[in-house]
């Protein structure tokens, strides 16, 4: 019977380095496969794979992993963030435009996932975005939900909430500005 991820992590944090080797063996093919699928460069994939597990060890020792039985998705998310950092460094990530029409933080969620790892990241992105939306003021949250999730026009939103179209537009604009600010402050990435 193989040991659970939780048991191996606990043993590793208690000084048993062999436990981490078991975790690495358990997930290295999936993590490396995910990284390589995003980069198509084996040398770069090797570097990011190594950086991923260095960061995993560091974060485990700092107590940043909250055990929810999702160790693999946590590792994949770290790898994903390191890949995005790489693209940011070489200026190949699209920047957000300042016009509201060009900002749809949910566009990245429409694409079909081609692997379990991508599906895990997509799920985590949905969860992160939902938490951010919950932090918005009620009026902004309401307009954002109606626009993005119920696909209502600004006229329909205005009629439903009893405000003018311009007020509805303004609330949406401030909701997007606040989301961008929270994303930036928390160094979150909403791309795949």
N, C-alpha and C. Protein backbone atom coordinates (compact mmCIF):
# COMPACT_ATOMS: atom_id res chain seq x y z
N UNK A 1 0.85 -1.19 0.00
CA UNK A 1 0.00 0.00 0.00
C UNK A 1 0.89 1.24 0.00
N UNK A 2 0.60 2.16 -0.92
CA UNK A 2 1.44 3.35 -0.99
C UNK A 2 0.94 4.42 0.00
N UNK A 3 1.86 5.21 0.45
CA UNK A 3 1.54 6.26 1.41
C UNK A 3 0.85 7.42 0.71
N UNK A 4 -0.06 8.08 1.42
CA UNK A 4 -0.77 9.23 0.85
C UNK A 4 0.18 10.42 0.73
N UNK A 5 -0.21 11.36 -0.13
CA UNK A 5 0.58 12.59 -0.28
C UNK A 5 0.72 13.29 1.08
N UNK A 6 -0.36 13.34 1.82
CA UNK A 6 -0.36 14.00 3.12
C UNK A 6 0.66 13.38 4.06
N UNK A 7 0.69 12.05 4.11
CA UNK A 7 1.65 11.35 4.97
C UNK A 7 3.08 11.63 4.53
N UNK A 8 3.31 11.59 3.22
CA UNK A 8 4.65 11.84 2.70
C UNK A 8 5.10 13.27 3.00
N UNK A 9 4.20 14.22 2.87
CA UNK A 9 4.53 15.62 3.16
C UNK A 9 4.87 15.77 4.64
N UNK A 10 4.06 15.18 5.49
CA UNK A 10 4.31 15.24 6.94
C UNK A 10 5.67 14.64 7.27
N UNK A 11 5.97 13.49 6.68
CA UNK A 11 7.26 12.86 6.92
C UNK A 11 8.41 13.72 6.41
N UNK A 12 8.22 14.32 5.22
CA UNK A 12 9.26 15.20 4.66
C UNK A 12 9.52 16.39 5.60
N UNK A 13 8.46 16.99 6.09
CA UNK A 13 8.60 18.15 6.97
C UNK A 13 9.20 17.76 8.32
N UNK A 14 9.13 16.47 8.64
CA UNK A 14 9.76 15.97 9.88
C UNK A 14 11.21 15.55 9.66
N UNK A 15 11.71 15.74 8.44
CA UNK A 15 13.12 15.46 8.18
C UNK A 15 13.41 14.26 7.31
N UNK A 16 12.40 13.57 6.84
CA UNK A 16 12.61 12.39 6.00
C UNK A 16 12.64 12.80 4.53
N UNK A 17 13.84 13.04 3.99
CA UNK A 17 13.96 13.52 2.61
C UNK A 17 13.54 12.45 1.60
N UNK A 18 13.59 11.18 1.98
CA UNK A 18 13.17 10.11 1.09
C UNK A 18 11.67 10.24 0.75
N UNK A 19 10.89 10.79 1.66
CA UNK A 19 9.46 10.97 1.42
C UNK A 19 9.22 11.92 0.26
N UNK A 20 10.04 12.96 0.18
CA UNK A 20 9.88 13.89 -0.94
C UNK A 20 10.29 13.21 -2.25
N UNK A 21 11.29 12.37 -2.20
CA UNK A 21 11.71 11.63 -3.40
C UNK A 21 10.56 10.78 -3.93
N UNK A 22 9.79 10.19 -3.02
CA UNK A 22 8.63 9.39 -3.42
C UNK A 22 7.58 10.27 -4.10
N UNK A 23 7.32 11.44 -3.53
CA UNK A 23 6.38 12.38 -4.14
C UNK A 23 6.85 12.81 -5.53
N UNK A 24 8.13 13.10 -5.63
CA UNK A 24 8.70 13.51 -6.91
C UNK A 24 8.53 12.39 -7.94
N UNK A 25 8.87 11.18 -7.56
CA UNK A 25 8.70 10.04 -8.48
C UNK A 25 7.24 9.86 -8.90
N UNK A 26 6.35 10.09 -7.95
CA UNK A 26 4.92 9.90 -8.19
C UNK A 26 4.38 10.87 -9.24
N UNK A 27 4.87 12.11 -9.24
CA UNK A 27 4.27 13.16 -10.07
C UNK A 27 5.18 13.75 -11.16
N UNK A 28 6.44 13.34 -11.21
CA UNK A 28 7.35 14.02 -12.12
C UNK A 28 6.92 13.91 -13.59
N UNK A 29 6.41 12.78 -14.02
CA UNK A 29 6.00 12.64 -15.43
C UNK A 29 4.85 13.58 -15.77
N UNK A 30 3.87 13.65 -14.89
CA UNK A 30 2.71 14.52 -15.16
C UNK A 30 3.10 15.99 -15.12
N UNK A 31 3.92 16.37 -14.14
CA UNK A 31 4.32 17.78 -14.04
C UNK A 31 5.20 18.16 -15.22
N UNK A 32 6.18 17.30 -15.53
CA UNK A 32 7.06 17.61 -16.66
C UNK A 32 6.25 17.65 -17.96
N UNK A 33 5.34 16.71 -18.14
CA UNK A 33 4.50 16.68 -19.34
C UNK A 33 3.69 17.97 -19.49
N UNK A 34 3.15 18.44 -18.37
CA UNK A 34 2.40 19.70 -18.40
C UNK A 34 3.30 20.86 -18.82
N UNK A 35 4.47 20.95 -18.20
CA UNK A 35 5.39 22.05 -18.50
C UNK A 35 5.83 21.99 -19.96
N UNK A 36 6.23 20.81 -20.42
CA UNK A 36 6.70 20.67 -21.80
C UNK A 36 5.60 21.01 -22.79
N UNK A 37 4.34 20.64 -22.49
CA UNK A 37 3.24 20.93 -23.40
C UNK A 37 3.02 22.43 -23.57
N UNK A 38 3.42 23.21 -22.59
CA UNK A 38 3.26 24.67 -22.67
C UNK A 38 4.45 25.35 -23.33
N UNK A 39 5.61 24.68 -23.34
CA UNK A 39 6.84 25.34 -23.81
C UNK A 39 7.41 24.75 -25.10
N UNK A 40 7.23 23.46 -25.31
CA UNK A 40 7.82 22.75 -26.46
C UNK A 40 9.31 22.99 -26.59
N UNK A 41 9.99 23.07 -25.48
CA UNK A 41 11.44 23.26 -25.46
C UNK A 41 11.96 22.45 -24.26
N UNK A 42 12.66 21.36 -24.55
CA UNK A 42 13.05 20.46 -23.47
C UNK A 42 14.03 21.09 -22.49
N UNK A 43 14.95 21.93 -22.96
CA UNK A 43 15.90 22.58 -22.05
C UNK A 43 15.18 23.53 -21.10
N UNK A 44 14.29 24.33 -21.66
CA UNK A 44 13.52 25.27 -20.84
C UNK A 44 12.58 24.51 -19.90
N UNK A 45 11.96 23.44 -20.42
CA UNK A 45 11.07 22.62 -19.58
C UNK A 45 11.85 22.01 -18.41
N UNK A 46 13.08 21.56 -18.67
CA UNK A 46 13.91 21.02 -17.59
C UNK A 46 14.16 22.07 -16.51
N UNK A 47 14.48 23.29 -16.94
CA UNK A 47 14.76 24.38 -15.99
C UNK A 47 13.52 24.71 -15.15
N UNK A 48 12.38 24.84 -15.82
CA UNK A 48 11.16 25.20 -15.10
C UNK A 48 10.70 24.05 -14.20
N UNK A 49 10.90 22.82 -14.66
CA UNK A 49 10.58 21.66 -13.82
C UNK A 49 11.40 21.71 -12.53
N UNK A 50 12.70 21.97 -12.67
CA UNK A 50 13.57 22.04 -11.49
C UNK A 50 13.15 23.21 -10.59
N UNK A 51 12.89 24.37 -11.19
CA UNK A 51 12.46 25.53 -10.40
C UNK A 51 11.14 25.25 -9.68
N UNK A 52 10.27 24.51 -10.34
CA UNK A 52 8.97 24.17 -9.74
C UNK A 52 9.17 23.40 -8.44
N UNK A 53 10.00 22.37 -8.49
CA UNK A 53 10.16 21.55 -7.28
C UNK A 53 11.01 22.24 -6.22
N UNK A 54 11.89 23.15 -6.63
CA UNK A 54 12.61 23.96 -5.64
C UNK A 54 11.60 24.83 -4.89
N UNK A 55 10.68 25.42 -5.66
CA UNK A 55 9.66 26.27 -5.04
C UNK A 55 8.69 25.45 -4.19
N UNK A 56 8.37 24.24 -4.63
CA UNK A 56 7.51 23.36 -3.86
C UNK A 56 8.14 23.09 -2.49
N UNK A 57 9.42 22.71 -2.50
CA UNK A 57 10.12 22.43 -1.23
C UNK A 57 10.12 23.67 -0.34
N UNK A 58 10.47 24.80 -0.92
CA UNK A 58 10.53 26.05 -0.16
C UNK A 58 9.16 26.38 0.45
N UNK A 59 8.11 26.27 -0.36
CA UNK A 59 6.77 26.59 0.13
C UNK A 59 6.28 25.59 1.17
N UNK A 60 6.63 24.32 1.00
CA UNK A 60 6.27 23.32 2.01
C UNK A 60 6.92 23.67 3.35
N UNK A 61 8.20 24.00 3.29
CA UNK A 61 8.93 24.32 4.53
C UNK A 61 8.42 25.60 5.19
N UNK A 62 7.89 26.51 4.38
CA UNK A 62 7.34 27.76 4.92
C UNK A 62 5.89 27.59 5.36
N UNK A 63 5.35 26.40 5.19
CA UNK A 63 3.97 26.14 5.62
C UNK A 63 2.92 26.72 4.71
N UNK A 64 3.25 26.97 3.44
CA UNK A 64 2.30 27.60 2.53
C UNK A 64 1.33 26.61 1.87
N UNK A 65 1.59 25.33 2.00
CA UNK A 65 0.68 24.34 1.42
C UNK A 65 -0.39 24.00 2.45
N UNK A 66 -1.64 24.24 2.08
CA UNK A 66 -2.76 23.89 2.94
C UNK A 66 -3.31 22.57 2.42
N UNK A 67 -3.15 21.51 3.16
CA UNK A 67 -3.51 20.18 2.71
C UNK A 67 -5.01 20.06 2.52
N UNK A 68 -5.40 19.97 1.27
CA UNK A 68 -6.79 19.73 0.93
C UNK A 68 -6.89 18.53 0.01
N UNK A 69 -5.85 17.70 0.04
CA UNK A 69 -5.83 16.53 -0.82
C UNK A 69 -5.60 16.84 -2.28
N UNK A 70 -5.04 18.03 -2.53
CA UNK A 70 -4.84 18.45 -3.92
C UNK A 70 -3.38 18.84 -4.15
N UNK A 71 -2.49 18.00 -3.75
CA UNK A 71 -1.07 18.30 -3.88
C UNK A 71 -0.68 18.48 -5.35
N UNK A 72 -1.12 17.58 -6.22
CA UNK A 72 -0.76 17.68 -7.63
C UNK A 72 -1.24 18.99 -8.25
N UNK A 73 -2.48 19.37 -7.98
CA UNK A 73 -2.98 20.62 -8.56
C UNK A 73 -2.20 21.82 -8.03
N UNK A 74 -1.76 21.76 -6.78
CA UNK A 74 -0.95 22.83 -6.20
C UNK A 74 0.40 22.91 -6.91
N UNK A 75 1.03 21.77 -7.15
CA UNK A 75 2.32 21.73 -7.86
C UNK A 75 2.15 22.24 -9.29
N UNK A 76 1.08 21.80 -9.96
CA UNK A 76 0.82 22.25 -11.34
C UNK A 76 0.60 23.75 -11.38
N UNK A 77 -0.07 24.28 -10.38
CA UNK A 77 -0.31 25.73 -10.33
C UNK A 77 1.03 26.48 -10.18
N UNK A 78 1.94 25.97 -9.36
CA UNK A 78 3.27 26.57 -9.22
C UNK A 78 3.99 26.54 -10.56
N UNK A 79 3.95 25.40 -11.23
CA UNK A 79 4.59 25.27 -12.55
C UNK A 79 3.97 26.26 -13.53
N UNK A 80 2.66 26.36 -13.52
CA UNK A 80 1.94 27.28 -14.40
C UNK A 80 2.40 28.72 -14.16
N UNK A 81 2.50 29.11 -12.90
CA UNK A 81 2.93 30.47 -12.57
C UNK A 81 4.36 30.72 -13.03
N UNK A 82 5.23 29.74 -12.89
CA UNK A 82 6.62 29.89 -13.35
C UNK A 82 6.69 30.02 -14.87
N UNK A 83 5.84 29.29 -15.57
CA UNK A 83 5.77 29.41 -17.04
C UNK A 83 5.32 30.82 -17.42
N UNK A 84 4.29 31.31 -16.73
CA UNK A 84 3.80 32.66 -17.01
C UNK A 84 4.88 33.71 -16.70
N UNK A 85 5.62 33.50 -15.62
CA UNK A 85 6.73 34.39 -15.30
C UNK A 85 7.75 34.40 -16.43
N UNK A 86 8.05 33.24 -16.97
CA UNK A 86 9.00 33.15 -18.09
C UNK A 86 8.49 33.97 -19.27
N UNK A 87 7.23 33.78 -19.65
CA UNK A 87 6.68 34.52 -20.78
C UNK A 87 6.64 36.02 -20.51
N UNK A 88 6.36 36.39 -19.26
CA UNK A 88 6.36 37.81 -18.91
C UNK A 88 7.75 38.41 -19.11
N UNK A 89 8.77 37.65 -18.71
CA UNK A 89 10.15 38.15 -18.84
C UNK A 89 10.53 38.38 -20.30
N UNK A 90 10.01 37.56 -21.17
CA UNK A 90 10.36 37.76 -22.59
C UNK A 90 9.27 38.52 -23.34
N UNK A 91 8.36 39.12 -22.58
CA UNK A 91 7.30 39.97 -23.13
C UNK A 91 6.44 39.28 -24.17
N UNK A 92 6.07 38.06 -23.91
CA UNK A 92 5.20 37.36 -24.85
C UNK A 92 3.82 37.11 -24.29
N UNK A 93 3.52 37.67 -23.15
CA UNK A 93 2.17 37.55 -22.61
C UNK A 93 1.38 38.78 -23.03
N UNK A 94 0.15 38.61 -23.45
CA UNK A 94 -0.65 39.78 -23.79
C UNK A 94 -0.93 40.62 -22.55
N UNK A 95 -0.86 41.92 -22.72
CA UNK A 95 -1.15 42.84 -21.62
C UNK A 95 -2.63 43.22 -21.69
N UNK A 96 -3.19 43.53 -20.53
CA UNK A 96 -4.57 44.00 -20.52
C UNK A 96 -4.64 45.39 -21.13
N UNK A 97 -5.64 45.57 -21.98
CA UNK A 97 -5.88 46.90 -22.54
C UNK A 97 -6.66 47.70 -21.50
N UNK A 98 -6.59 49.01 -21.62
CA UNK A 98 -7.29 49.82 -20.64
C UNK A 98 -8.77 49.96 -20.97
N UNK A 99 -9.18 49.62 -22.20
CA UNK A 99 -10.59 49.72 -22.57
C UNK A 99 -11.35 48.53 -22.00
N UNK A 100 -12.52 48.80 -21.47
CA UNK A 100 -13.30 47.75 -20.82
C UNK A 100 -13.70 46.65 -21.80
N UNK A 101 -13.93 46.97 -23.08
CA UNK A 101 -14.35 45.96 -24.05
C UNK A 101 -13.27 44.90 -24.25
N UNK A 102 -12.02 45.26 -24.03
CA UNK A 102 -10.91 44.33 -24.25
C UNK A 102 -10.60 43.48 -23.03
N UNK A 103 -11.27 43.74 -21.94
CA UNK A 103 -10.97 42.99 -20.71
C UNK A 103 -12.09 42.01 -20.45
N UNK A 104 -11.80 40.75 -20.60
CA UNK A 104 -12.72 39.71 -20.18
C UNK A 104 -11.91 38.64 -19.51
N UNK A 105 -11.80 38.76 -18.21
CA UNK A 105 -10.95 37.87 -17.42
C UNK A 105 -11.41 36.42 -17.57
N UNK A 106 -12.64 36.22 -18.01
CA UNK A 106 -13.17 34.87 -18.13
C UNK A 106 -12.89 34.23 -19.48
N UNK A 107 -12.34 35.00 -20.45
CA UNK A 107 -12.01 34.42 -21.75
C UNK A 107 -11.13 33.20 -21.63
N UNK A 108 -10.22 33.22 -20.68
CA UNK A 108 -9.28 32.11 -20.52
C UNK A 108 -9.96 30.84 -20.07
N UNK A 109 -11.20 30.92 -19.65
CA UNK A 109 -11.89 29.74 -19.14
C UNK A 109 -12.72 29.03 -20.19
N UNK A 110 -12.86 29.63 -21.38
CA UNK A 110 -13.71 29.07 -22.41
C UNK A 110 -13.04 27.89 -23.10
N UNK A 111 -11.74 27.96 -23.24
CA UNK A 111 -10.97 26.93 -23.94
C UNK A 111 -11.15 25.56 -23.30
N UNK A 112 -11.27 24.54 -24.12
CA UNK A 112 -11.42 23.17 -23.61
C UNK A 112 -10.10 22.68 -23.05
N UNK A 113 -10.14 22.04 -21.91
CA UNK A 113 -8.94 21.50 -21.29
C UNK A 113 -8.54 20.22 -21.99
N UNK A 114 -7.25 20.05 -22.26
CA UNK A 114 -6.79 18.86 -22.95
C UNK A 114 -6.13 17.87 -22.00
N UNK A 115 -6.08 18.20 -20.72
CA UNK A 115 -5.46 17.27 -19.78
C UNK A 115 -6.06 17.48 -18.40
N UNK A 116 -5.79 16.53 -17.54
CA UNK A 116 -6.25 16.62 -16.16
C UNK A 116 -5.64 17.83 -15.49
N UNK A 117 -4.34 18.07 -15.74
CA UNK A 117 -3.66 19.20 -15.12
C UNK A 117 -4.29 20.53 -15.51
N UNK A 118 -4.59 20.67 -16.81
CA UNK A 118 -5.21 21.91 -17.27
C UNK A 118 -6.60 22.07 -16.66
N UNK A 119 -7.30 20.97 -16.51
CA UNK A 119 -8.61 21.01 -15.88
C UNK A 119 -8.50 21.46 -14.42
N UNK A 120 -7.47 20.98 -13.72
CA UNK A 120 -7.25 21.38 -12.33
C UNK A 120 -6.96 22.88 -12.25
N UNK A 121 -6.14 23.38 -13.17
CA UNK A 121 -5.82 24.81 -13.18
C UNK A 121 -7.08 25.62 -13.47
N UNK A 122 -7.87 25.15 -14.43
CA UNK A 122 -9.11 25.86 -14.78
C UNK A 122 -10.03 25.94 -13.56
N UNK A 123 -10.14 24.84 -12.83
CA UNK A 123 -10.97 24.81 -11.62
C UNK A 123 -10.44 25.80 -10.58
N UNK A 124 -9.13 25.83 -10.41
CA UNK A 124 -8.53 26.75 -9.45
C UNK A 124 -8.74 28.21 -9.88
N UNK A 125 -8.64 28.49 -11.19
CA UNK A 125 -8.88 29.84 -11.69
C UNK A 125 -10.31 30.26 -11.39
N UNK A 126 -11.27 29.36 -11.65
CA UNK A 126 -12.68 29.67 -11.34
C UNK A 126 -12.84 30.00 -9.85
N UNK A 127 -12.22 29.19 -9.01
CA UNK A 127 -12.34 29.40 -7.56
C UNK A 127 -11.71 30.73 -7.15
N UNK A 128 -10.52 31.02 -7.67
CA UNK A 128 -9.84 32.29 -7.35
C UNK A 128 -10.67 33.48 -7.81
N UNK A 129 -11.20 33.40 -9.02
CA UNK A 129 -11.99 34.50 -9.56
C UNK A 129 -13.27 34.69 -8.77
N UNK A 130 -13.91 33.60 -8.39
CA UNK A 130 -15.14 33.71 -7.59
C UNK A 130 -14.87 34.39 -6.25
N UNK A 131 -13.74 34.08 -5.63
CA UNK A 131 -13.38 34.72 -4.36
C UNK A 131 -13.15 36.21 -4.55
N UNK A 132 -12.50 36.58 -5.64
CA UNK A 132 -12.27 38.01 -5.91
C UNK A 132 -13.58 38.74 -6.14
N UNK A 133 -14.46 38.13 -6.91
CA UNK A 133 -15.76 38.77 -7.20
C UNK A 133 -16.53 38.98 -5.90
N UNK A 134 -16.45 38.04 -4.97
CA UNK A 134 -17.14 38.16 -3.68
C UNK A 134 -16.65 39.37 -2.89
N UNK A 135 -15.42 39.81 -3.12
CA UNK A 135 -14.87 40.94 -2.38
C UNK A 135 -15.29 42.30 -2.95
N UNK A 136 -15.89 42.31 -4.12
CA UNK A 136 -16.34 43.57 -4.72
C UNK A 136 -17.53 44.14 -3.94
N UNK A 137 -17.70 45.46 -4.01
CA UNK A 137 -18.91 46.04 -3.41
C UNK A 137 -20.15 45.42 -4.07
N UNK A 138 -21.24 45.33 -3.33
CA UNK A 138 -22.44 44.65 -3.81
C UNK A 138 -22.94 45.17 -5.15
N UNK A 139 -22.95 46.48 -5.35
CA UNK A 139 -23.47 47.04 -6.60
C UNK A 139 -22.60 46.62 -7.79
N UNK A 140 -21.28 46.58 -7.61
CA UNK A 140 -20.38 46.16 -8.68
C UNK A 140 -20.51 44.65 -8.93
N UNK A 141 -20.58 43.91 -7.85
CA UNK A 141 -20.71 42.45 -7.95
C UNK A 141 -21.97 42.08 -8.72
N UNK A 142 -23.07 42.77 -8.41
CA UNK A 142 -24.34 42.49 -9.06
C UNK A 142 -24.27 42.74 -10.56
N UNK A 143 -23.73 43.89 -10.96
CA UNK A 143 -23.62 44.23 -12.38
C UNK A 143 -22.70 43.25 -13.10
N UNK A 144 -21.57 42.94 -12.49
CA UNK A 144 -20.61 42.01 -13.10
C UNK A 144 -21.25 40.64 -13.33
N UNK A 145 -21.94 40.14 -12.34
CA UNK A 145 -22.59 38.83 -12.48
C UNK A 145 -23.66 38.85 -13.57
N UNK A 146 -24.46 39.90 -13.59
CA UNK A 146 -25.51 39.99 -14.61
C UNK A 146 -24.91 40.04 -16.01
N UNK A 147 -23.84 40.79 -16.15
CA UNK A 147 -23.21 40.96 -17.46
C UNK A 147 -22.48 39.68 -17.90
N UNK A 148 -21.67 39.12 -17.03
CA UNK A 148 -20.84 37.99 -17.43
C UNK A 148 -21.54 36.64 -17.34
N UNK A 149 -22.33 36.44 -16.30
CA UNK A 149 -22.91 35.13 -16.09
C UNK A 149 -24.34 35.00 -16.62
N UNK A 150 -25.06 36.12 -16.70
CA UNK A 150 -26.42 36.07 -17.21
C UNK A 150 -26.51 36.68 -18.60
N UNK A 151 -25.38 37.19 -19.10
CA UNK A 151 -25.29 37.76 -20.45
C UNK A 151 -26.33 38.85 -20.71
N UNK A 152 -26.57 39.68 -19.70
CA UNK A 152 -27.55 40.76 -19.84
C UNK A 152 -26.89 41.99 -20.46
N UNK A 153 -27.66 42.72 -21.23
CA UNK A 153 -27.16 43.98 -21.79
C UNK A 153 -27.16 45.02 -20.66
N UNK A 154 -26.45 46.13 -20.89
CA UNK A 154 -26.42 47.18 -19.86
C UNK A 154 -27.79 47.82 -19.69
N UNK A 155 -28.59 47.85 -20.77
CA UNK A 155 -29.95 48.37 -20.65
C UNK A 155 -30.78 47.45 -19.75
N UNK A 156 -30.65 46.12 -19.95
CA UNK A 156 -31.36 45.17 -19.12
C UNK A 156 -30.90 45.25 -17.66
N UNK A 157 -29.61 45.42 -17.47
CA UNK A 157 -29.08 45.55 -16.11
C UNK A 157 -29.65 46.80 -15.45
N UNK A 158 -29.66 47.91 -16.19
CA UNK A 158 -30.22 49.16 -15.67
C UNK A 158 -31.69 49.01 -15.29
N UNK A 159 -32.45 48.37 -16.18
CA UNK A 159 -33.88 48.16 -15.91
C UNK A 159 -34.07 47.26 -14.67
N UNK A 160 -33.28 46.23 -14.58
CA UNK A 160 -33.41 45.26 -13.48
C UNK A 160 -33.02 45.87 -12.13
N UNK A 161 -32.00 46.73 -12.14
CA UNK A 161 -31.51 47.31 -10.88
C UNK A 161 -32.08 48.68 -10.58
N UNK A 162 -32.80 49.24 -11.55
CA UNK A 162 -33.41 50.55 -11.34
C UNK A 162 -32.44 51.71 -11.45
N UNK A 163 -31.38 51.54 -12.23
CA UNK A 163 -30.41 52.62 -12.45
C UNK A 163 -30.29 52.88 -13.94
N UNK A 164 -29.64 53.99 -14.29
CA UNK A 164 -29.46 54.32 -15.70
C UNK A 164 -28.41 53.41 -16.34
N UNK A 165 -28.41 53.39 -17.67
CA UNK A 165 -27.40 52.61 -18.39
C UNK A 165 -26.00 53.10 -18.03
N UNK A 166 -25.84 54.42 -17.94
CA UNK A 166 -24.53 54.98 -17.60
C UNK A 166 -24.06 54.53 -16.21
N UNK A 167 -24.98 54.45 -15.27
CA UNK A 167 -24.62 53.99 -13.92
C UNK A 167 -24.21 52.52 -13.97
N UNK A 168 -24.95 51.72 -14.72
CA UNK A 168 -24.61 50.30 -14.86
C UNK A 168 -23.23 50.15 -15.51
N UNK A 169 -22.97 50.94 -16.55
CA UNK A 169 -21.66 50.92 -17.21
C UNK A 169 -20.55 51.33 -16.24
N UNK A 170 -20.82 52.36 -15.47
CA UNK A 170 -19.83 52.83 -14.49
C UNK A 170 -19.53 51.77 -13.44
N UNK A 171 -20.56 51.10 -12.96
CA UNK A 171 -20.35 50.05 -11.95
C UNK A 171 -19.52 48.90 -12.53
N UNK A 172 -19.82 48.57 -13.80
CA UNK A 172 -19.04 47.50 -14.45
C UNK A 172 -17.59 47.93 -14.60
N UNK A 173 -17.40 49.17 -15.01
CA UNK A 173 -16.04 49.69 -15.19
C UNK A 173 -15.26 49.63 -13.87
N UNK A 174 -15.89 50.07 -12.78
CA UNK A 174 -15.22 50.03 -11.48
C UNK A 174 -15.00 48.60 -10.98
N UNK A 175 -15.93 47.70 -11.32
CA UNK A 175 -15.75 46.29 -10.95
C UNK A 175 -14.51 45.73 -11.64
N UNK A 176 -14.35 46.03 -12.93
CA UNK A 176 -13.19 45.55 -13.69
C UNK A 176 -11.90 46.18 -13.14
N UNK A 177 -11.95 47.47 -12.86
CA UNK A 177 -10.77 48.16 -12.29
C UNK A 177 -10.39 47.52 -10.97
N UNK A 178 -11.38 47.27 -10.11
CA UNK A 178 -11.10 46.66 -8.80
C UNK A 178 -10.58 45.23 -8.94
N UNK A 179 -11.13 44.47 -9.90
CA UNK A 179 -10.63 43.11 -10.13
C UNK A 179 -9.17 43.15 -10.58
N UNK A 180 -8.89 44.04 -11.52
CA UNK A 180 -7.50 44.16 -12.00
C UNK A 180 -6.55 44.49 -10.85
N UNK A 181 -6.99 45.42 -10.00
CA UNK A 181 -6.16 45.83 -8.86
C UNK A 181 -5.90 44.65 -7.92
N UNK A 182 -6.96 43.88 -7.61
CA UNK A 182 -6.81 42.73 -6.73
C UNK A 182 -5.90 41.66 -7.36
N UNK A 183 -6.07 41.45 -8.68
CA UNK A 183 -5.24 40.46 -9.39
C UNK A 183 -3.78 40.87 -9.31
N UNK A 184 -3.52 42.16 -9.55
CA UNK A 184 -2.14 42.67 -9.52
C UNK A 184 -1.56 42.60 -8.11
N UNK A 185 -2.32 43.05 -7.11
CA UNK A 185 -1.83 43.06 -5.73
C UNK A 185 -1.51 41.66 -5.22
N UNK A 186 -2.28 40.68 -5.67
CA UNK A 186 -2.09 39.30 -5.18
C UNK A 186 -1.24 38.45 -6.12
N UNK A 187 -0.77 39.12 -7.20
CA UNK A 187 0.09 38.44 -8.16
C UNK A 187 -0.55 37.16 -8.70
N UNK A 188 -1.85 37.26 -9.03
CA UNK A 188 -2.57 36.11 -9.57
C UNK A 188 -2.45 36.10 -11.08
N UNK A 189 -2.59 34.92 -11.66
CA UNK A 189 -2.52 34.77 -13.11
C UNK A 189 -3.79 34.06 -13.55
N UNK A 190 -4.48 34.66 -14.52
CA UNK A 190 -5.72 34.08 -15.01
C UNK A 190 -5.61 33.71 -16.48
N UNK A 191 -4.52 33.06 -16.85
CA UNK A 191 -4.36 32.55 -18.20
C UNK A 191 -3.92 31.11 -18.12
N UNK A 192 -4.11 30.41 -19.23
CA UNK A 192 -3.66 29.00 -19.28
C UNK A 192 -2.62 28.86 -20.35
